[in-house]
Amino acid sequence: MTQIVAVPGSLRSESYTRTALRYALDSAERAGAETELLDLREYDLPLYNPDLDSPGDSELVKRRIREADGVLIGSPNYHGSYSAAFRNFHDYCSYDDFEDTVVGLLAVAGGDAYASTLDHLRVTMRGVHAWVLPKQVGIPNVYDQFEMDAEGIDGRTFVDPELHQRVDELGRLIVEHAERLGRPADPRINADG
């Protein structure tokens, strides 16, 4: 079964990035994938230091990425770029982990400027040999894009059905392209997992 992992680059407890990625994961699951949210708040990832050999949960996190057929990356716009939490996660993961992995991008912004965040995410993902989808989602004025809904993911639902559709499409497309790419088996992963 196609495995899709989402990584929100936000540590905020009420993260809109996390909520949006969960909607994309929901769409990926409806498209037939097995999905997982890799919530960086739940892992011990000390500030990256190449002199330290596999600190904290870094090997576990890298393995989750390596085993995935597709990865949804999301980040809030912090000062015109991605978050430090995403950067730290990404510093641990190299081309060995992302090679031939389909990646979908999503960025949220408190204002209307998210384009540079998506550009920076795209460049760094291509730098580790990921197959980045041309379709990406930017969510401007994120505080106005969700409303409370007890039946929605994280108790929220999209205000704009077109935005909801774009996030759903990102989830569906990552499954579709991951299945097409059909990553070769990683020899470092044995049958026991």
N, C-alpha and C. Protein backbone atom coordinates (compact mmCIF):
# COMPACT_ATOMS: atom_id res chain seq x y z
N MET A 1 0.84 -1.19 0.00
CA MET A 1 0.00 0.00 0.00
C MET A 1 0.88 1.25 0.00
N THR A 2 0.48 2.25 -0.73
CA THR A 2 1.21 3.51 -0.78
C THR A 2 1.18 4.18 0.58
N GLN A 3 2.35 4.61 1.05
CA GLN A 3 2.46 5.26 2.36
C GLN A 3 2.77 6.74 2.18
N ILE A 4 1.91 7.56 2.80
CA ILE A 4 2.09 9.01 2.74
C ILE A 4 2.27 9.53 4.16
N VAL A 5 3.32 10.32 4.36
CA VAL A 5 3.61 10.93 5.65
C VAL A 5 3.50 12.45 5.49
N ALA A 6 2.93 13.11 6.49
CA ALA A 6 2.87 14.57 6.49
C ALA A 6 3.70 15.10 7.64
N VAL A 7 4.48 16.15 7.36
CA VAL A 7 5.34 16.77 8.36
C VAL A 7 4.98 18.25 8.48
N PRO A 8 4.28 18.62 9.55
CA PRO A 8 4.01 20.05 9.76
C PRO A 8 5.19 20.72 10.44
N GLY A 9 5.69 21.77 9.85
CA GLY A 9 6.83 22.49 10.41
C GLY A 9 6.40 23.53 11.43
N SER A 10 5.40 23.18 12.22
CA SER A 10 4.91 24.09 13.25
C SER A 10 4.83 23.33 14.57
N LEU A 11 5.27 23.97 15.63
CA LEU A 11 5.21 23.36 16.96
C LEU A 11 4.03 23.92 17.76
N ARG A 12 3.28 24.80 17.19
CA ARG A 12 2.15 25.45 17.86
C ARG A 12 1.05 24.43 18.15
N SER A 13 0.49 24.47 19.34
CA SER A 13 -0.52 23.48 19.72
C SER A 13 -1.78 23.59 18.85
N GLU A 14 -2.16 24.78 18.47
CA GLU A 14 -3.35 24.98 17.62
C GLU A 14 -2.93 25.33 16.19
N SER A 15 -1.99 24.60 15.66
CA SER A 15 -1.38 24.91 14.37
C SER A 15 -2.36 24.76 13.20
N TYR A 16 -2.47 25.82 12.42
CA TYR A 16 -3.26 25.76 11.19
C TYR A 16 -2.54 24.92 10.13
N THR A 17 -1.21 24.95 10.15
CA THR A 17 -0.44 24.12 9.22
C THR A 17 -0.77 22.65 9.43
N ARG A 18 -0.77 22.23 10.69
CA ARG A 18 -1.08 20.84 11.03
C ARG A 18 -2.50 20.47 10.59
N THR A 19 -3.45 21.37 10.85
CA THR A 19 -4.84 21.10 10.46
C THR A 19 -4.96 20.94 8.94
N ALA A 20 -4.34 21.85 8.20
CA ALA A 20 -4.42 21.78 6.73
C ALA A 20 -3.79 20.49 6.22
N LEU A 21 -2.66 20.11 6.79
CA LEU A 21 -2.02 18.85 6.36
C LEU A 21 -2.89 17.65 6.72
N ARG A 22 -3.58 17.70 7.84
CA ARG A 22 -4.47 16.58 8.18
C ARG A 22 -5.61 16.46 7.17
N TYR A 23 -6.09 17.58 6.66
CA TYR A 23 -7.10 17.52 5.59
C TYR A 23 -6.51 16.88 4.34
N ALA A 24 -5.26 17.22 4.00
CA ALA A 24 -4.62 16.61 2.84
C ALA A 24 -4.40 15.12 3.07
N LEU A 25 -4.02 14.73 4.29
CA LEU A 25 -3.86 13.31 4.61
C LEU A 25 -5.19 12.56 4.51
N ASP A 26 -6.26 13.21 4.94
CA ASP A 26 -7.58 12.60 4.84
C ASP A 26 -7.92 12.30 3.38
N SER A 27 -7.59 13.24 2.51
CA SER A 27 -7.81 13.04 1.08
C SER A 27 -6.93 11.91 0.54
N ALA A 28 -5.68 11.85 0.99
CA ALA A 28 -4.77 10.78 0.56
C ALA A 28 -5.29 9.42 1.01
N GLU A 29 -5.84 9.37 2.20
CA GLU A 29 -6.40 8.11 2.70
C GLU A 29 -7.61 7.69 1.86
N ARG A 30 -8.45 8.64 1.51
CA ARG A 30 -9.61 8.33 0.65
C ARG A 30 -9.15 7.85 -0.72
N ALA A 31 -7.94 8.28 -1.15
CA ALA A 31 -7.39 7.85 -2.44
C ALA A 31 -6.70 6.49 -2.33
N GLY A 32 -6.73 5.88 -1.14
CA GLY A 32 -6.23 4.52 -0.99
C GLY A 32 -4.89 4.38 -0.29
N ALA A 33 -4.34 5.47 0.23
CA ALA A 33 -3.02 5.40 0.87
C ALA A 33 -3.14 5.13 2.37
N GLU A 34 -2.06 4.60 2.91
CA GLU A 34 -1.90 4.52 4.35
C GLU A 34 -1.20 5.81 4.75
N THR A 35 -1.72 6.51 5.78
CA THR A 35 -1.19 7.83 6.10
C THR A 35 -0.72 7.93 7.55
N GLU A 36 0.19 8.89 7.76
CA GLU A 36 0.72 9.15 9.10
C GLU A 36 1.09 10.62 9.21
N LEU A 37 0.76 11.23 10.33
CA LEU A 37 1.21 12.58 10.63
C LEU A 37 2.46 12.46 11.49
N LEU A 38 3.57 12.97 11.00
CA LEU A 38 4.81 12.97 11.75
C LEU A 38 4.89 14.33 12.45
N ASP A 39 4.30 14.40 13.64
CA ASP A 39 4.19 15.64 14.39
C ASP A 39 5.50 15.89 15.12
N LEU A 40 6.24 16.89 14.71
CA LEU A 40 7.57 17.15 15.25
C LEU A 40 7.56 17.44 16.75
N ARG A 41 6.41 17.81 17.30
CA ARG A 41 6.31 18.04 18.75
C ARG A 41 6.50 16.75 19.53
N GLU A 42 6.28 15.61 18.88
CA GLU A 42 6.31 14.32 19.56
C GLU A 42 7.67 13.62 19.48
N TYR A 43 8.65 14.27 18.87
CA TYR A 43 9.96 13.65 18.69
C TYR A 43 11.05 14.50 19.31
N ASP A 44 12.06 13.83 19.81
CA ASP A 44 13.22 14.50 20.38
C ASP A 44 14.22 14.73 19.25
N LEU A 45 14.22 15.94 18.72
CA LEU A 45 15.16 16.31 17.66
C LEU A 45 15.95 17.53 18.13
N PRO A 46 17.08 17.28 18.82
CA PRO A 46 17.88 18.42 19.26
C PRO A 46 18.36 19.23 18.07
N LEU A 47 18.77 20.46 18.31
CA LEU A 47 19.32 21.27 17.24
C LEU A 47 20.39 20.48 16.51
N TYR A 48 20.25 20.40 15.19
CA TYR A 48 21.13 19.55 14.39
C TYR A 48 22.60 19.92 14.60
N ASN A 49 23.40 18.91 14.85
CA ASN A 49 24.85 19.06 14.99
C ASN A 49 25.49 17.85 14.32
N PRO A 50 26.17 18.05 13.20
CA PRO A 50 26.73 16.91 12.47
C PRO A 50 27.81 16.16 13.23
N ASP A 51 28.31 16.73 14.33
CA ASP A 51 29.31 16.03 15.13
C ASP A 51 28.69 14.99 16.06
N LEU A 52 27.36 15.06 16.24
CA LEU A 52 26.68 14.09 17.10
C LEU A 52 26.18 12.93 16.25
N ASP A 53 26.37 11.73 16.70
CA ASP A 53 25.96 10.54 15.96
C ASP A 53 24.53 10.15 16.33
N SER A 54 23.58 10.39 15.46
CA SER A 54 22.18 9.97 15.60
C SER A 54 21.56 10.37 16.95
N PRO A 55 21.51 11.67 17.25
CA PRO A 55 20.93 12.08 18.53
C PRO A 55 19.42 11.96 18.57
N GLY A 56 18.89 11.79 19.79
CA GLY A 56 17.45 11.78 19.99
C GLY A 56 16.73 10.78 19.11
N ASP A 57 15.63 11.23 18.52
CA ASP A 57 14.80 10.38 17.66
C ASP A 57 15.12 10.54 16.18
N SER A 58 16.30 11.05 15.87
CA SER A 58 16.60 11.37 14.47
C SER A 58 16.56 10.14 13.57
N GLU A 59 17.05 9.00 14.03
CA GLU A 59 17.02 7.80 13.18
C GLU A 59 15.58 7.35 12.92
N LEU A 60 14.73 7.44 13.93
CA LEU A 60 13.32 7.07 13.76
C LEU A 60 12.64 7.99 12.75
N VAL A 61 12.87 9.28 12.87
CA VAL A 61 12.26 10.24 11.96
C VAL A 61 12.76 10.01 10.53
N LYS A 62 14.06 9.84 10.37
CA LYS A 62 14.61 9.60 9.03
C LYS A 62 14.05 8.31 8.43
N ARG A 63 13.88 7.31 9.25
CA ARG A 63 13.35 6.04 8.75
C ARG A 63 11.91 6.22 8.27
N ARG A 64 11.12 6.99 9.01
CA ARG A 64 9.73 7.23 8.60
C ARG A 64 9.68 7.90 7.22
N ILE A 65 10.59 8.84 7.01
CA ILE A 65 10.65 9.52 5.71
C ILE A 65 11.14 8.56 4.64
N ARG A 66 12.16 7.79 4.93
CA ARG A 66 12.73 6.85 3.96
C ARG A 66 11.71 5.81 3.52
N GLU A 67 10.85 5.37 4.43
CA GLU A 67 9.86 4.34 4.12
C GLU A 67 8.65 4.89 3.37
N ALA A 68 8.45 6.19 3.40
CA ALA A 68 7.27 6.79 2.77
C ALA A 68 7.43 6.84 1.25
N ASP A 69 6.32 6.66 0.57
CA ASP A 69 6.30 6.83 -0.88
C ASP A 69 6.08 8.29 -1.25
N GLY A 70 5.44 9.02 -0.35
CA GLY A 70 5.18 10.43 -0.56
C GLY A 70 5.19 11.16 0.76
N VAL A 71 5.64 12.41 0.73
CA VAL A 71 5.70 13.23 1.94
C VAL A 71 5.05 14.58 1.66
N LEU A 72 4.11 14.93 2.52
CA LEU A 72 3.50 16.25 2.48
C LEU A 72 4.24 17.11 3.48
N ILE A 73 4.78 18.23 3.01
CA ILE A 73 5.54 19.15 3.86
C ILE A 73 4.72 20.42 4.00
N GLY A 74 4.58 20.89 5.23
CA GLY A 74 3.88 22.15 5.45
C GLY A 74 4.64 23.02 6.42
N SER A 75 4.58 24.32 6.19
CA SER A 75 5.23 25.25 7.11
C SER A 75 4.46 26.55 7.17
N PRO A 76 4.45 27.16 8.35
CA PRO A 76 3.97 28.54 8.41
C PRO A 76 5.04 29.45 7.81
N ASN A 77 4.62 30.61 7.38
CA ASN A 77 5.55 31.61 6.87
C ASN A 77 6.13 32.36 8.07
N TYR A 78 7.41 32.16 8.31
CA TYR A 78 8.12 32.88 9.36
C TYR A 78 9.14 33.80 8.70
N HIS A 79 8.90 35.09 8.74
CA HIS A 79 9.83 36.08 8.19
C HIS A 79 10.19 35.80 6.74
N GLY A 80 9.20 35.41 5.96
CA GLY A 80 9.40 35.21 4.53
C GLY A 80 9.99 33.87 4.15
N SER A 81 10.04 32.92 5.08
CA SER A 81 10.58 31.60 4.77
C SER A 81 9.88 30.56 5.64
N TYR A 82 10.46 29.36 5.69
CA TYR A 82 9.88 28.29 6.50
C TYR A 82 10.35 28.40 7.94
N SER A 83 9.77 27.58 8.79
CA SER A 83 10.04 27.64 10.23
C SER A 83 11.37 26.99 10.60
N ALA A 84 11.87 27.35 11.76
CA ALA A 84 13.09 26.72 12.29
C ALA A 84 12.84 25.25 12.61
N ALA A 85 11.63 24.91 13.04
CA ALA A 85 11.30 23.51 13.33
C ALA A 85 11.43 22.67 12.06
N PHE A 86 10.92 23.19 10.92
CA PHE A 86 11.07 22.45 9.67
C PHE A 86 12.55 22.36 9.29
N ARG A 87 13.28 23.46 9.40
CA ARG A 87 14.68 23.47 9.01
C ARG A 87 15.48 22.44 9.81
N ASN A 88 15.22 22.37 11.11
CA ASN A 88 15.95 21.42 11.94
C ASN A 88 15.64 19.98 11.52
N PHE A 89 14.36 19.69 11.29
CA PHE A 89 13.97 18.36 10.79
C PHE A 89 14.69 18.07 9.46
N HIS A 90 14.67 19.04 8.58
CA HIS A 90 15.23 18.85 7.24
C HIS A 90 16.75 18.68 7.29
N ASP A 91 17.41 19.32 8.25
CA ASP A 91 18.85 19.15 8.37
C ASP A 91 19.22 17.70 8.69
N TYR A 92 18.35 17.00 9.38
CA TYR A 92 18.61 15.58 9.68
C TYR A 92 18.42 14.69 8.46
N CYS A 93 17.54 15.07 7.56
CA CYS A 93 17.19 14.23 6.40
C CYS A 93 17.98 14.65 5.18
N SER A 94 18.58 13.69 4.51
CA SER A 94 19.39 13.99 3.33
C SER A 94 18.78 13.34 2.09
N TYR A 95 19.53 13.37 1.01
CA TYR A 95 19.04 12.74 -0.22
C TYR A 95 18.86 11.23 -0.03
N ASP A 96 19.61 10.62 0.90
CA ASP A 96 19.40 9.19 1.18
C ASP A 96 17.98 8.92 1.65
N ASP A 97 17.37 9.90 2.30
CA ASP A 97 16.02 9.73 2.84
C ASP A 97 14.93 10.17 1.86
N PHE A 98 15.22 11.16 1.02
CA PHE A 98 14.21 11.71 0.11
C PHE A 98 14.35 11.27 -1.34
N GLU A 99 15.41 10.59 -1.69
CA GLU A 99 15.64 10.18 -3.08
C GLU A 99 14.41 9.47 -3.64
N ASP A 100 13.92 9.94 -4.78
CA ASP A 100 12.76 9.35 -5.47
C ASP A 100 11.48 9.35 -4.65
N THR A 101 11.36 10.28 -3.72
CA THR A 101 10.13 10.43 -2.94
C THR A 101 9.33 11.58 -3.51
N VAL A 102 8.05 11.38 -3.71
CA VAL A 102 7.18 12.46 -4.16
C VAL A 102 6.87 13.35 -2.97
N VAL A 103 7.00 14.65 -3.17
CA VAL A 103 6.76 15.61 -2.10
C VAL A 103 5.74 16.64 -2.55
N GLY A 104 4.77 16.91 -1.68
CA GLY A 104 3.79 17.95 -1.90
C GLY A 104 4.00 19.06 -0.89
N LEU A 105 3.83 20.31 -1.31
CA LEU A 105 4.13 21.46 -0.46
C LEU A 105 2.89 22.26 -0.11
N LEU A 106 2.89 22.75 1.13
CA LEU A 106 1.80 23.58 1.63
C LEU A 106 2.40 24.63 2.56
N ALA A 107 1.97 25.86 2.43
CA ALA A 107 2.44 26.94 3.32
C ALA A 107 1.24 27.76 3.77
N VAL A 108 1.29 28.22 5.01
CA VAL A 108 0.24 29.09 5.54
C VAL A 108 0.87 30.40 5.97
N ALA A 109 0.08 31.47 5.91
CA ALA A 109 0.58 32.79 6.29
C ALA A 109 -0.50 33.56 7.03
N GLY A 110 -0.08 34.32 8.01
CA GLY A 110 -1.01 35.19 8.72
C GLY A 110 -1.49 36.33 7.83
N GLY A 111 -0.67 36.73 6.88
CA GLY A 111 -1.03 37.75 5.90
C GLY A 111 -1.22 37.11 4.54
N ASP A 112 -0.82 37.83 3.50
CA ASP A 112 -1.02 37.28 2.16
C ASP A 112 0.27 36.82 1.49
N ALA A 113 1.39 36.85 2.21
CA ALA A 113 2.68 36.50 1.60
C ALA A 113 3.12 35.10 2.02
N TYR A 114 2.98 34.15 1.11
CA TYR A 114 3.44 32.78 1.38
C TYR A 114 4.32 32.25 0.24
N ALA A 115 4.43 32.97 -0.85
CA ALA A 115 5.12 32.48 -2.05
C ALA A 115 6.58 32.16 -1.77
N SER A 116 7.27 33.02 -1.03
CA SER A 116 8.70 32.76 -0.78
C SER A 116 8.88 31.52 0.10
N THR A 117 7.94 31.25 1.00
CA THR A 117 8.02 30.04 1.81
C THR A 117 7.94 28.81 0.92
N LEU A 118 7.00 28.80 -0.01
CA LEU A 118 6.87 27.68 -0.94
C LEU A 118 8.11 27.56 -1.82
N ASP A 119 8.65 28.68 -2.28
CA ASP A 119 9.86 28.65 -3.10
C ASP A 119 11.02 28.03 -2.33
N HIS A 120 11.20 28.45 -1.08
CA HIS A 120 12.31 27.92 -0.27
C HIS A 120 12.13 26.43 0.02
N LEU A 121 10.90 26.02 0.31
CA LEU A 121 10.64 24.59 0.52
C LEU A 121 10.96 23.80 -0.75
N ARG A 122 10.54 24.31 -1.89
CA ARG A 122 10.78 23.62 -3.16
C ARG A 122 12.28 23.46 -3.43
N VAL A 123 13.04 24.52 -3.24
CA VAL A 123 14.48 24.47 -3.50
C VAL A 123 15.16 23.46 -2.57
N THR A 124 14.83 23.47 -1.29
CA THR A 124 15.50 22.55 -0.37
C THR A 124 15.08 21.10 -0.62
N MET A 125 13.85 20.88 -1.01
CA MET A 125 13.40 19.52 -1.32
C MET A 125 14.07 19.00 -2.60
N ARG A 126 14.19 19.86 -3.59
CA ARG A 126 14.89 19.45 -4.81
C ARG A 126 16.37 19.18 -4.51
N GLY A 127 16.91 19.90 -3.54
CA GLY A 127 18.30 19.71 -3.15
C GLY A 127 18.59 18.33 -2.58
N VAL A 128 17.55 17.63 -2.12
CA VAL A 128 17.73 16.26 -1.61
C VAL A 128 17.09 15.23 -2.55
N HIS A 129 16.94 15.62 -3.81
CA HIS A 129 16.51 14.73 -4.90
C HIS A 129 15.06 14.26 -4.77
N ALA A 130 14.21 15.04 -4.10
CA ALA A 130 12.79 14.69 -4.04
C ALA A 130 12.11 15.08 -5.35
N TRP A 131 11.03 14.38 -5.66
CA TRP A 131 10.20 14.69 -6.82
C TRP A 131 9.09 15.61 -6.32
N VAL A 132 9.25 16.91 -6.48
CA VAL A 132 8.30 17.87 -5.93
C VAL A 132 7.17 18.10 -6.93
N LEU A 133 5.94 17.92 -6.44
CA LEU A 133 4.78 18.15 -7.29
C LEU A 133 4.71 19.60 -7.75
N PRO A 134 4.32 19.83 -9.00
CA PRO A 134 4.16 21.22 -9.45
C PRO A 134 2.98 21.89 -8.75
N LYS A 135 1.98 21.11 -8.38
CA LYS A 135 0.83 21.64 -7.64
C LYS A 135 1.24 21.87 -6.20
N GLN A 136 0.98 23.05 -5.68
CA GLN A 136 1.28 23.36 -4.29
C GLN A 136 0.14 24.22 -3.75
N VAL A 137 0.06 24.34 -2.43
CA VAL A 137 -1.03 25.10 -1.83
C VAL A 137 -0.47 26.15 -0.89
N GLY A 138 -0.89 27.38 -1.09
CA GLY A 138 -0.60 28.47 -0.18
C GLY A 138 -1.90 28.95 0.44
N ILE A 139 -1.90 29.12 1.74
CA ILE A 139 -3.11 29.57 2.44
C ILE A 139 -2.83 30.93 3.05
N PRO A 140 -3.34 32.00 2.43
CA PRO A 140 -3.14 33.34 2.97
C PRO A 140 -4.15 33.64 4.08
N ASN A 141 -3.85 34.63 4.91
CA ASN A 141 -4.78 35.08 5.95
C ASN A 141 -5.41 33.89 6.67
N VAL A 142 -4.56 32.98 7.12
CA VAL A 142 -5.00 31.68 7.63
C VAL A 142 -5.98 31.79 8.79
N TYR A 143 -5.88 32.84 9.57
CA TYR A 143 -6.78 32.99 10.73
C TYR A 143 -8.24 33.14 10.30
N ASP A 144 -8.44 33.57 9.04
CA ASP A 144 -9.80 33.75 8.52
C ASP A 144 -10.26 32.58 7.65
N GLN A 145 -9.41 31.57 7.45
CA GLN A 145 -9.72 30.50 6.50
C GLN A 145 -10.42 29.29 7.12
N PHE A 146 -10.49 29.25 8.44
CA PHE A 146 -11.14 28.14 9.13
C PHE A 146 -12.21 28.66 10.07
N GLU A 147 -13.21 27.83 10.28
CA GLU A 147 -14.22 28.14 11.29
C GLU A 147 -14.40 26.92 12.17
N MET A 148 -14.87 27.15 13.38
CA MET A 148 -15.07 26.07 14.32
C MET A 148 -16.17 25.14 13.81
N ASP A 149 -15.91 23.84 13.90
CA ASP A 149 -16.87 22.82 13.46
C ASP A 149 -16.52 21.53 14.20
N ALA A 150 -17.39 21.11 15.08
CA ALA A 150 -17.11 19.93 15.90
C ALA A 150 -16.85 18.69 15.06
N GLU A 151 -17.37 18.64 13.85
CA GLU A 151 -17.18 17.47 12.99
C GLU A 151 -15.98 17.61 12.06
N GLY A 152 -15.34 18.76 12.05
CA GLY A 152 -14.18 18.97 11.20
C GLY A 152 -12.91 18.42 11.84
N ILE A 153 -11.89 18.32 11.04
CA ILE A 153 -10.59 17.87 11.54
C ILE A 153 -10.06 18.93 12.51
N ASP A 154 -9.60 18.48 13.68
CA ASP A 154 -9.13 19.38 14.75
C ASP A 154 -10.22 20.36 15.18
N GLY A 155 -11.49 20.01 14.94
CA GLY A 155 -12.60 20.88 15.31
C GLY A 155 -12.73 22.11 14.43
N ARG A 156 -12.16 22.03 13.21
CA ARG A 156 -12.19 23.15 12.28
C ARG A 156 -12.60 22.67 10.90
N THR A 157 -13.17 23.56 10.15
CA THR A 157 -13.45 23.29 8.74
C THR A 157 -13.09 24.52 7.93
N PHE A 158 -12.83 24.32 6.65
CA PHE A 158 -12.50 25.44 5.77
C PHE A 158 -13.72 26.32 5.55
N VAL A 159 -13.51 27.62 5.51
CA VAL A 159 -14.56 28.57 5.18
C VAL A 159 -14.81 28.55 3.67
N ASP A 160 -13.73 28.52 2.91
CA ASP A 160 -13.78 28.60 1.45
C ASP A 160 -13.74 27.19 0.85
N PRO A 161 -14.83 26.73 0.22
CA PRO A 161 -14.82 25.39 -0.36
C PRO A 161 -13.77 25.19 -1.44
N GLU A 162 -13.41 26.26 -2.16
CA GLU A 162 -12.38 26.14 -3.20
C GLU A 162 -11.01 25.86 -2.58
N LEU A 163 -10.71 26.50 -1.46
CA LEU A 163 -9.45 26.23 -0.77
C LEU A 163 -9.43 24.80 -0.24
N HIS A 164 -10.54 24.36 0.32
CA HIS A 164 -10.66 22.98 0.79
C HIS A 164 -10.41 22.02 -0.37
N GLN A 165 -10.96 22.32 -1.53
CA GLN A 165 -10.78 21.47 -2.70
C GLN A 165 -9.31 21.42 -3.13
N ARG A 166 -8.59 22.56 -3.05
CA ARG A 166 -7.17 22.59 -3.43
C ARG A 166 -6.34 21.73 -2.48
N VAL A 167 -6.65 21.78 -1.18
CA VAL A 167 -5.93 20.96 -0.21
C VAL A 167 -6.24 19.48 -0.45
N ASP A 168 -7.51 19.17 -0.71
CA ASP A 168 -7.88 17.79 -1.04
C ASP A 168 -7.15 17.29 -2.28
N GLU A 169 -7.06 18.17 -3.27
CA GLU A 169 -6.38 17.78 -4.52
C GLU A 169 -4.90 17.48 -4.27
N LEU A 170 -4.27 18.25 -3.38
CA LEU A 170 -2.87 17.98 -3.05
C LEU A 170 -2.72 16.58 -2.46
N GLY A 171 -3.63 16.21 -1.56
CA GLY A 171 -3.59 14.87 -0.97
C GLY A 171 -3.81 13.77 -1.99
N ARG A 172 -4.72 14.00 -2.90
CA ARG A 172 -5.00 13.00 -3.95
C ARG A 172 -3.84 12.89 -4.92
N LEU A 173 -3.28 14.04 -5.31
CA LEU A 173 -2.18 14.03 -6.29
C LEU A 173 -0.93 13.36 -5.76
N ILE A 174 -0.65 13.52 -4.48
CA ILE A 174 0.58 12.89 -3.96
C ILE A 174 0.47 11.38 -4.02
N VAL A 175 -0.73 10.86 -3.78
CA VAL A 175 -0.93 9.40 -3.88
C VAL A 175 -0.80 8.97 -5.33
N GLU A 176 -1.46 9.68 -6.21
CA GLU A 176 -1.43 9.34 -7.64
C GLU A 176 0.01 9.32 -8.18
N HIS A 177 0.79 10.32 -7.85
CA HIS A 177 2.16 10.40 -8.38
C HIS A 177 3.11 9.44 -7.66
N ALA A 178 2.88 9.20 -6.38
CA ALA A 178 3.71 8.22 -5.67
C ALA A 178 3.50 6.83 -6.25
N GLU A 179 2.27 6.50 -6.60
CA GLU A 179 1.98 5.20 -7.22
C GLU A 179 2.62 5.11 -8.60
N ARG A 180 2.61 6.19 -9.35
CA ARG A 180 3.23 6.19 -10.68
C ARG A 180 4.74 6.04 -10.60
N LEU A 181 5.34 6.73 -9.65
CA LEU A 181 6.79 6.70 -9.53
C LEU A 181 7.27 5.33 -9.07
N GLY A 182 6.53 4.70 -8.15
CA GLY A 182 6.87 3.36 -7.70
C GLY A 182 8.31 3.23 -7.25
N ARG A 183 8.64 3.85 -6.13
CA ARG A 183 10.01 3.85 -5.61
C ARG A 183 10.58 2.45 -5.51
N PRO A 184 11.86 2.30 -5.86
CA PRO A 184 12.52 1.00 -5.67
C PRO A 184 12.67 0.72 -4.18
N ALA A 185 12.72 -0.54 -3.81
CA ALA A 185 12.86 -0.93 -2.41
C ALA A 185 14.20 -0.45 -1.88
N ASP A 186 14.19 0.03 -0.64
CA ASP A 186 15.41 0.48 0.02
C ASP A 186 16.10 -0.72 0.65
N PRO A 187 17.31 -1.05 0.23
CA PRO A 187 17.99 -2.24 0.76
C PRO A 187 18.32 -2.13 2.24
N ARG A 188 18.28 -0.92 2.80
CA ARG A 188 18.58 -0.76 4.23
C ARG A 188 17.40 -1.13 5.11
N ILE A 189 16.22 -1.32 4.51
CA ILE A 189 15.03 -1.66 5.27
C ILE A 189 14.76 -3.14 5.08
N ASN A 190 14.83 -3.91 6.16
CA ASN A 190 14.60 -5.35 6.02
C ASN A 190 13.12 -5.67 6.13
N ALA A 191 12.77 -6.90 5.90
CA ALA A 191 11.37 -7.32 5.90
C ALA A 191 10.71 -7.16 7.26
N ASP A 192 11.49 -7.14 8.33
CA ASP A 192 10.94 -6.99 9.67
C ASP A 192 10.61 -5.54 9.99
N GLY A 193 10.96 -4.61 9.12
CA GLY A 193 10.69 -3.20 9.34
C GLY A 193 11.72 -2.59 10.18
